[in-house]
C-alpha atoms as a PDB file:
ATOM      1  CA  MET A   1      93.631 112.499 102.896  1.00  0.00           C
ATOM      2  CA  PRO A   2      93.304 111.389 106.501  1.00  0.00           C
ATOM      3  CA  LYS A   3      95.731 108.997 107.997  1.00  0.00           C
ATOM      4  CA  GLY A   4      93.375 106.047 108.655  1.00  0.00           C
ATOM      5  CA  ASN A   5      92.191 106.233 104.907  1.00  0.00           C
ATOM      6  CA  ARG A   6      95.403 105.851 104.132  1.00  0.00           C
ATOM      7  CA  ARG A   7      96.525 102.834 106.358  1.00  0.00           C
ATOM      8  CA  VAL A   8      93.364 101.075 105.430  1.00  0.00           C
ATOM      9  CA  GLN A   9      94.907 101.535 101.139  1.00  0.00           C
ATOM     10  CA  ASP A  10      98.113 100.337 102.423  1.00  0.00           C
ATOM     11  CA  LEU A  11      96.958  97.233 103.718  1.00  0.00           C
ATOM     12  CA  VAL A  12      94.320  96.766 100.864  1.00  0.00           C
ATOM     13  CA  ALA A  13      97.492  97.145  98.823  1.00  0.00           C
ATOM     14  CA  PHE A  14      99.431  94.597 100.456  1.00  0.00           C
ATOM     15  CA  LEU A  15      96.953  92.110 101.002  1.00  0.00           C
ATOM     16  CA  ALA A  16      96.478  92.220  96.946  1.00  0.00           C
ATOM     17  CA  VAL A  17     100.280  91.296  96.195  1.00  0.00           C
ATOM     18  CA  LEU A  18     100.322  88.560  98.770  1.00  0.00           C
ATOM     19  CA  VAL A  19      97.658  86.917  97.618  1.00  0.00           C
ATOM     20  CA  THR A  20      98.169  87.674  93.839  1.00  0.00           C
ATOM     21  CA  GLY A  21     101.896  86.746  94.413  1.00  0.00           C
ATOM     22  CA  ALA A  22     101.054  82.896  96.242  1.00  0.00           C
ATOM     23  CA  VAL A  23      98.092  82.583  93.263  1.00  0.00           C
ATOM     24  CA  LEU A  24     100.778  83.135  90.526  1.00  0.00           C
ATOM     25  CA  VAL A  25     103.067  80.599  92.813  1.00  0.00           C
ATOM     26  CA  LEU A  26     100.741  77.991  93.036  1.00  0.00           C
ATOM     27  CA  ARG A  27      99.799  78.010  89.501  1.00  0.00           C
ATOM     28  CA  GLY A  28     103.590  77.325  88.775  1.00  0.00           C
ATOM     29  CA  VAL A  29     104.940  80.828  87.823  1.00  0.00           C
ATOM     30  CA  ALA A  30     109.035  80.620  88.697  1.00  0.00           C
ATOM     31  CA  PRO A  31     109.627  83.040  92.010  1.00  0.00           C
ATOM     32  CA  GLU A  32     112.143  84.799  89.993  1.00  0.00           C
ATOM     33  CA  SER A  33     110.007  86.164  87.812  1.00  0.00           C
ATOM     34  CA  LEU A  34     108.042  87.175  90.462  1.00  0.00           C
ATOM     35  CA  ALA A  35     111.249  88.944  92.147  1.00  0.00           C
ATOM     36  CA  THR A  36     111.173  90.539  89.425  1.00  0.00           C
ATOM     37  CA  ILE A  37     107.312  91.717  88.920  1.00  0.00           C
ATOM     38  CA  ALA A  38     107.143  92.912  92.955  1.00  0.00           C
ATOM     39  CA  VAL A  39     110.244  95.172  92.250  1.00  0.00           C
ATOM     40  CA  ALA A  40     108.357  96.744  89.356  1.00  0.00           C
ATOM     41  CA  VAL A  41     105.141  97.163  90.801  1.00  0.00           C
ATOM     42  CA  SER A  42     106.772  98.412  94.066  1.00  0.00           C
ATOM     43  CA  GLY A  43     108.339 100.842  92.440  1.00  0.00           C
ATOM     44  CA  ILE A  44     104.903 102.233  90.875  1.00  0.00           C
ATOM     45  CA  TYR A  45     102.923 101.796  94.059  1.00  0.00           C
ATOM     46  CA  ALA A  46     106.107 104.200  95.627  1.00  0.00           C
ATOM     47  CA  ALA A  47     105.195 106.550  92.761  1.00  0.00           C
ATOM     48  CA  TRP A  48     101.267 106.394  93.217  1.00  0.00           C
ATOM     49  CA  ARG A  49     101.782 106.784  96.944  1.00  0.00           C
ATOM     50  CA  GLY A  50     104.244 110.105  96.812  1.00  0.00           C
ATOM     51  CA  ASN A  51     102.844 113.048  98.251  1.00  0.00           C
ATOM     52  CA  GLY A  52     101.756 114.254  95.146  1.00  0.00           C
ATOM     53  CA  GLY A  53     102.428 117.779  96.477  1.00  0.00           C
ATOM     54  CA  PRO A  54     104.685 121.119  94.700  1.00  0.00           C
ATOM     55  CA  HIS A  55     108.092 120.880  94.320  1.00  0.00           C
ATOM     56  CA  SER A  56     109.828 123.225  96.522  1.00  0.00           C
ATOM     57  CA  ARG A  57     111.822 125.891  94.356  1.00  0.00           C
ATOM     58  CA  PRO A  58     115.001 127.282  95.899  1.00  0.00           C
ATOM     59  CA  PRO A  59     114.505 131.000  96.694  1.00  0.00           C
ATOM     60  CA  PRO A  60     115.058 133.396  93.931  1.00  0.00           C
ATOM     61  CA  GLY A  61     118.913 134.201  93.289  1.00  0.00           C
ATOM     62  CA  ARG A  62     120.122 130.478  94.632  1.00  0.00           C
ATOM     63  CA  ARG A  63     120.584 127.835  92.620  1.00  0.00           C
ATOM     64  CA  SER A  64     120.317 124.047  94.073  1.00  0.00           C
ATOM     65  CA  GLY A  65     123.502 122.018  94.317  1.00  0.00           C
ATOM     66  CA  GLY A  66     127.298 123.020  94.098  1.00  0.00           C
ATOM     67  CA  ARG A  67     128.966 125.311  92.136  1.00  0.00           C
ATOM     68  CA  ARG A  68     131.294 124.300  89.143  1.00  0.00           C
ATOM     69  CA  LYS A  69     134.675 124.909  89.301  1.00  0.00           C
ATOM     70  CA  THR A  70     136.372 126.257  85.639  1.00  0.00           C
ATOM     71  CA  VAL A  71     139.952 124.653  85.446  1.00  0.00           C
ATOM     72  CA  ALA A  72     142.631 126.330  83.515  1.00  0.00           C
ATOM     73  CA  ALA A  73     143.824 125.181  80.645  1.00  0.00           C
END
């Protein structure tokens, strides 16, 4: 996806969330409720915005993470 197109999408999403929040506040929704909704929506947007590429795998014969140490009883 071209970089300019992505920036336009970000701007549209930002403005949509901003306008929605303003409308909800003007309609009398408690700001605390909006904070909860904003966190949830930002998580959804971050997942949607992800690069969507394949996950990288470690080379054959290598494990990701550290080794487990065996403790003798």
